[in-house]
Amino acid sequence: MILPIKDDNPTRRAPVFTVAILGVNLAVFLYAVFLGSTGFKVFTLRLGLIPFEIMHARDAVSPTPIPLYLTFFTAMFMHGGWVHLAGNMLYLWTFGNSIEDTLGHFRFLVFYLFCGVAATLAHVLSAPDSTVPLVGASGAIAGVLGAYMARFPGVRVHILVFLFFFIQVVRVPALIVLGFWFIIQLVNASVQGEGVAWYAHIAGFVVGYLLMRVRGRRIRRAFEGSYS
């Protein structure tokens, strides 16, 4: 088991929206927990995204108190448990600040939400008849990971490696860490069921990677043009 804890990439801007997204995710989860076990389930059913409902444009499982398609956004800030929340927020904290620094605050927020929606749509298309609510920031965060791999492949990432009772911190290039993460998503998508939205992870990563690559090419063209 490996866990990223920080990177060696210096940043200039304070990660305002990265911290804000972390705070909103934590606040929403704590609110759901304080509703109690039954309340937590009802909250998840009502504001999580249910593929069947999206595909058929109607409530089918539980009444949704907001326009149905807004669950693309509400689901992005909900989580199914402490481990789910902690894992997602750790990855966001490790990699999000560098992408926010690269894109700027507002562009980062738009980028994050766009990747999350694209990832969720991929999940809906992969399981159109599912009535299991989708919750979690994984798709949006996968977009951040894809962007990081495109922009900072050689930056060293500090990861915790757990081997039985042995714990060690090692520094590994982002290309290896994130490439390994992406391969795991591909393998799991091919062998596992609908318990985890693997296709959302894959789509979010690919969209984030491509968007950052397109941005990089535009910057290079502008730079070259200014000296032509």
Protein backbone atom coordinates (compact mmCIF):
# COMPACT_ATOMS: atom_id res chain seq x y z
CA MET A 1 0.00 0.00 0.00
CA ILE A 2 1.31 3.49 -0.88
CA LEU A 3 0.05 6.91 0.14
CA PRO A 4 1.29 10.25 -1.24
CA ILE A 5 1.83 12.82 1.50
CA LYS A 6 3.54 15.77 -0.25
CA ASP A 7 5.54 16.79 -3.29
CA ASP A 8 8.71 18.77 -3.94
CA ASN A 9 7.06 21.28 -6.26
CA PRO A 10 7.27 24.89 -4.96
CA THR A 11 4.20 27.08 -5.42
CA ARG A 12 3.68 30.84 -5.49
CA ARG A 13 -0.02 31.17 -4.76
CA ALA A 14 -1.87 30.14 -1.62
CA PRO A 15 -4.11 27.16 -2.49
CA VAL A 16 -7.31 29.03 -1.67
CA PHE A 17 -9.76 26.85 -3.56
CA THR A 18 -7.94 23.62 -2.75
CA VAL A 19 -8.40 24.38 0.94
CA ALA A 20 -11.98 25.56 0.36
CA ILE A 21 -12.89 22.34 -1.45
CA LEU A 22 -11.34 20.34 1.37
CA GLY A 23 -13.39 22.31 3.88
CA VAL A 24 -16.67 21.89 2.00
CA ASN A 25 -16.15 18.13 1.63
CA LEU A 26 -15.42 17.78 5.33
CA ALA A 27 -18.36 19.98 6.35
CA VAL A 28 -20.82 18.08 4.14
CA PHE A 29 -19.60 14.74 5.48
CA LEU A 30 -19.85 15.86 9.12
CA TYR A 31 -23.37 17.16 8.48
CA ALA A 32 -24.35 13.79 7.01
CA VAL A 33 -22.79 11.92 9.96
CA PHE A 34 -24.71 14.04 12.48
CA LEU A 35 -27.96 13.02 10.76
CA GLY A 36 -27.47 9.52 12.14
CA SER A 37 -27.29 6.23 10.30
CA THR A 38 -30.72 6.46 8.68
CA GLY A 39 -30.37 10.15 7.95
CA PHE A 40 -26.99 9.53 6.33
CA LYS A 41 -28.53 6.99 3.95
CA VAL A 42 -31.46 9.26 3.09
CA PHE A 43 -29.11 12.19 2.51
CA THR A 44 -26.99 10.05 0.18
CA LEU A 45 -30.00 8.81 -1.78
CA ARG A 46 -31.44 12.28 -2.21
CA LEU A 47 -28.32 14.23 -3.16
CA GLY A 48 -26.07 11.52 -4.57
CA LEU A 49 -26.17 10.93 -8.32
CA ILE A 50 -28.16 7.91 -9.46
CA PRO A 51 -27.39 6.90 -13.07
CA PHE A 52 -30.84 5.45 -13.75
CA GLU A 53 -32.48 8.72 -12.74
CA ILE A 54 -30.13 10.75 -14.92
CA MET A 55 -30.70 8.52 -17.95
CA HIS A 56 -34.48 8.60 -17.53
CA ALA A 57 -34.73 12.20 -16.28
CA ARG A 58 -36.94 11.31 -13.34
CA ASP A 59 -36.78 10.39 -9.66
CA ALA A 60 -36.91 6.65 -9.22
CA VAL A 61 -35.25 5.87 -5.89
CA SER A 62 -35.74 8.80 -3.54
CA PRO A 63 -37.19 12.33 -3.94
CA THR A 64 -34.47 14.77 -4.94
CA PRO A 65 -35.00 18.25 -3.39
CA ILE A 66 -33.06 20.00 -6.16
CA PRO A 67 -33.16 19.83 -9.98
CA LEU A 68 -32.04 16.31 -10.84
CA TYR A 69 -29.02 17.27 -12.91
CA LEU A 70 -27.56 19.36 -10.10
CA THR A 71 -26.67 16.07 -8.44
CA PHE A 72 -23.69 16.06 -10.83
CA PHE A 73 -22.33 18.74 -8.48
CA THR A 74 -23.76 17.78 -5.08
CA ALA A 75 -22.48 14.20 -5.39
CA MET A 76 -18.99 15.60 -5.91
CA PHE A 77 -18.90 16.89 -2.33
CA MET A 78 -20.33 13.82 -0.59
CA HIS A 79 -18.58 10.70 0.69
CA GLY A 80 -19.59 7.27 1.88
CA GLY A 81 -17.30 7.00 4.92
CA TRP A 82 -14.24 8.31 6.74
CA VAL A 83 -11.77 6.24 4.71
CA HIS A 84 -13.35 7.36 1.45
CA LEU A 85 -13.16 11.01 2.53
CA ALA A 86 -9.63 10.81 3.97
CA GLY A 87 -8.18 9.11 0.89
CA ASN A 88 -9.68 11.62 -1.51
CA MET A 89 -8.68 14.64 0.55
CA LEU A 90 -5.11 13.37 0.94
CA TYR A 91 -4.69 13.16 -2.83
CA LEU A 92 -6.32 16.57 -3.31
CA TRP A 93 -4.08 18.16 -0.68
CA THR A 94 -0.93 16.60 -2.16
CA PHE A 95 -1.52 17.51 -5.80
CA GLY A 96 -4.21 20.19 -5.88
CA ASN A 97 -2.09 23.13 -4.73
CA SER A 98 0.32 22.77 -7.67
CA ILE A 99 -2.50 22.68 -10.22
CA GLU A 100 -4.23 25.66 -8.59
CA ASP A 101 -0.91 27.51 -8.68
CA THR A 102 -0.52 26.68 -12.38
CA LEU A 103 -4.06 27.55 -13.48
CA GLY A 104 -4.92 30.33 -11.07
CA HIS A 105 -7.66 30.21 -8.46
CA PHE A 106 -10.83 30.64 -10.53
CA ARG A 107 -9.61 28.54 -13.47
CA PHE A 108 -8.71 25.79 -11.04
CA LEU A 109 -12.23 25.74 -9.62
CA VAL A 110 -13.76 25.58 -13.11
CA PHE A 111 -11.27 22.88 -14.10
CA TYR A 112 -12.05 20.85 -10.96
CA LEU A 113 -15.81 20.99 -11.48
CA PHE A 114 -15.53 20.24 -15.20
CA CYS A 115 -13.40 17.15 -14.57
CA GLY A 116 -15.83 16.02 -11.90
CA VAL A 117 -18.83 16.34 -14.22
CA ALA A 118 -17.01 14.60 -17.08
CA ALA A 119 -15.98 11.75 -14.76
CA THR A 120 -19.51 11.37 -13.42
CA LEU A 121 -20.93 11.30 -16.93
CA ALA A 122 -18.52 8.49 -17.81
CA HIS A 123 -19.83 6.52 -14.83
CA VAL A 124 -23.43 7.12 -15.87
CA LEU A 125 -22.71 5.87 -19.39
CA SER A 126 -20.87 2.81 -18.04
CA ALA A 127 -23.76 1.84 -15.73
CA PRO A 128 -26.91 3.53 -17.11
CA ASP A 129 -29.36 1.31 -15.22
CA SER A 130 -27.65 1.48 -11.84
CA THR A 131 -29.75 2.68 -8.91
CA VAL A 132 -26.75 2.84 -6.58
CA PRO A 133 -26.01 6.49 -5.68
CA LEU A 134 -22.64 7.79 -6.78
CA VAL A 135 -20.88 10.02 -4.26
CA GLY A 136 -17.33 11.24 -3.90
CA ALA A 137 -14.76 13.68 -5.19
CA SER A 138 -12.71 10.94 -6.85
CA GLY A 139 -13.55 11.87 -10.44
CA ALA A 140 -12.67 15.53 -9.99
CA ILE A 141 -9.50 14.66 -8.07
CA ALA A 142 -8.56 12.19 -10.80
CA GLY A 143 -8.64 15.19 -13.15
CA VAL A 144 -6.18 16.96 -10.86
CA LEU A 145 -3.93 13.89 -10.93
CA GLY A 146 -4.05 13.75 -14.72
CA ALA A 147 -3.17 17.44 -14.96
CA TYR A 148 -0.30 16.96 -12.52
CA MET A 149 1.09 14.09 -14.56
CA ALA A 150 0.94 16.23 -17.71
CA ARG A 151 2.51 19.31 -16.10
CA PHE A 152 4.95 17.91 -13.52
CA PRO A 153 5.90 14.33 -14.50
CA GLY A 154 9.41 14.59 -13.10
CA VAL A 155 8.60 16.21 -9.74
CA ARG A 156 9.36 13.97 -6.79
CA VAL A 157 6.43 12.87 -4.66
CA HIS A 158 6.90 11.71 -1.08
CA ILE A 159 4.95 8.51 -0.51
CA LEU A 160 4.39 6.31 2.52
CA VAL A 161 5.08 2.69 1.70
CA PHE A 162 3.50 0.06 3.97
CA LEU A 163 4.96 -3.45 3.88
CA PHE A 164 3.52 -5.41 6.77
CA PHE A 165 5.09 -3.70 9.84
CA PHE A 166 7.60 -1.77 7.76
CA ILE A 167 6.79 1.87 6.96
CA GLN A 168 9.10 3.97 4.84
CA VAL A 169 8.91 7.39 3.16
CA VAL A 170 10.38 7.38 -0.35
CA ARG A 171 10.59 10.03 -3.07
CA VAL A 172 9.36 8.89 -6.47
CA PRO A 173 8.77 10.83 -9.73
CA ALA A 174 5.13 11.81 -10.22
CA LEU A 175 5.12 9.98 -13.53
CA ILE A 176 5.64 6.67 -11.71
CA VAL A 177 3.25 7.37 -8.83
CA LEU A 178 0.40 8.61 -10.98
CA GLY A 179 1.08 6.19 -13.82
CA PHE A 180 0.83 3.32 -11.33
CA TRP A 181 -2.39 4.81 -9.92
CA PHE A 182 -3.90 5.02 -13.41
CA ILE A 183 -2.94 1.43 -14.27
CA ILE A 184 -4.67 0.25 -11.08
CA GLN A 185 -7.87 2.00 -12.20
CA LEU A 186 -7.70 0.33 -15.62
CA VAL A 187 -7.15 -3.12 -14.12
CA ASN A 188 -9.92 -2.73 -11.56
CA ALA A 189 -12.36 -1.43 -14.16
CA SER A 190 -11.88 -4.63 -16.15
CA VAL A 191 -12.27 -7.10 -13.28
CA GLN A 192 -14.52 -5.53 -10.63
CA GLY A 193 -18.21 -4.65 -10.39
CA GLU A 194 -20.01 -1.40 -9.65
CA GLY A 195 -18.88 -0.98 -6.04
CA VAL A 196 -16.37 1.70 -7.12
CA ALA A 197 -16.77 4.10 -10.05
CA TRP A 198 -13.58 3.04 -11.82
CA TYR A 199 -14.62 4.53 -15.15
CA ALA A 200 -15.18 7.87 -13.46
CA HIS A 201 -11.59 7.75 -12.20
CA ILE A 202 -10.28 6.86 -15.65
CA ALA A 203 -12.30 9.53 -17.44
CA GLY A 204 -11.45 12.23 -14.92
CA PHE A 205 -7.74 11.46 -15.20
CA VAL A 206 -7.78 11.46 -19.01
CA VAL A 207 -9.77 14.71 -19.20
CA GLY A 208 -7.46 16.44 -16.72
CA TYR A 209 -4.38 15.21 -18.56
CA LEU A 210 -5.65 16.35 -21.96
CA LEU A 211 -6.79 19.75 -20.73
CA MET A 212 -3.38 20.44 -19.21
CA ARG A 213 -1.60 19.26 -22.36
CA VAL A 214 -3.76 21.58 -24.51
CA ARG A 215 -3.03 24.46 -22.16
CA GLY A 216 0.70 23.74 -22.33
CA ARG A 217 0.70 23.79 -26.12
CA ARG A 218 -1.15 27.11 -26.20
CA ILE A 219 1.41 28.67 -23.85
CA ARG A 220 4.30 27.38 -25.95
CA ARG A 221 2.72 28.72 -29.16
CA ALA A 222 2.19 32.15 -27.57
CA PHE A 223 5.77 32.20 -26.32
CA GLU A 224 7.19 31.20 -29.69
CA GLY A 225 4.99 33.69 -31.51
CA SER A 226 6.16 36.58 -29.35
CA TYR A 227 9.73 36.03 -30.53
CA SER A 228 9.08 35.22 -34.19
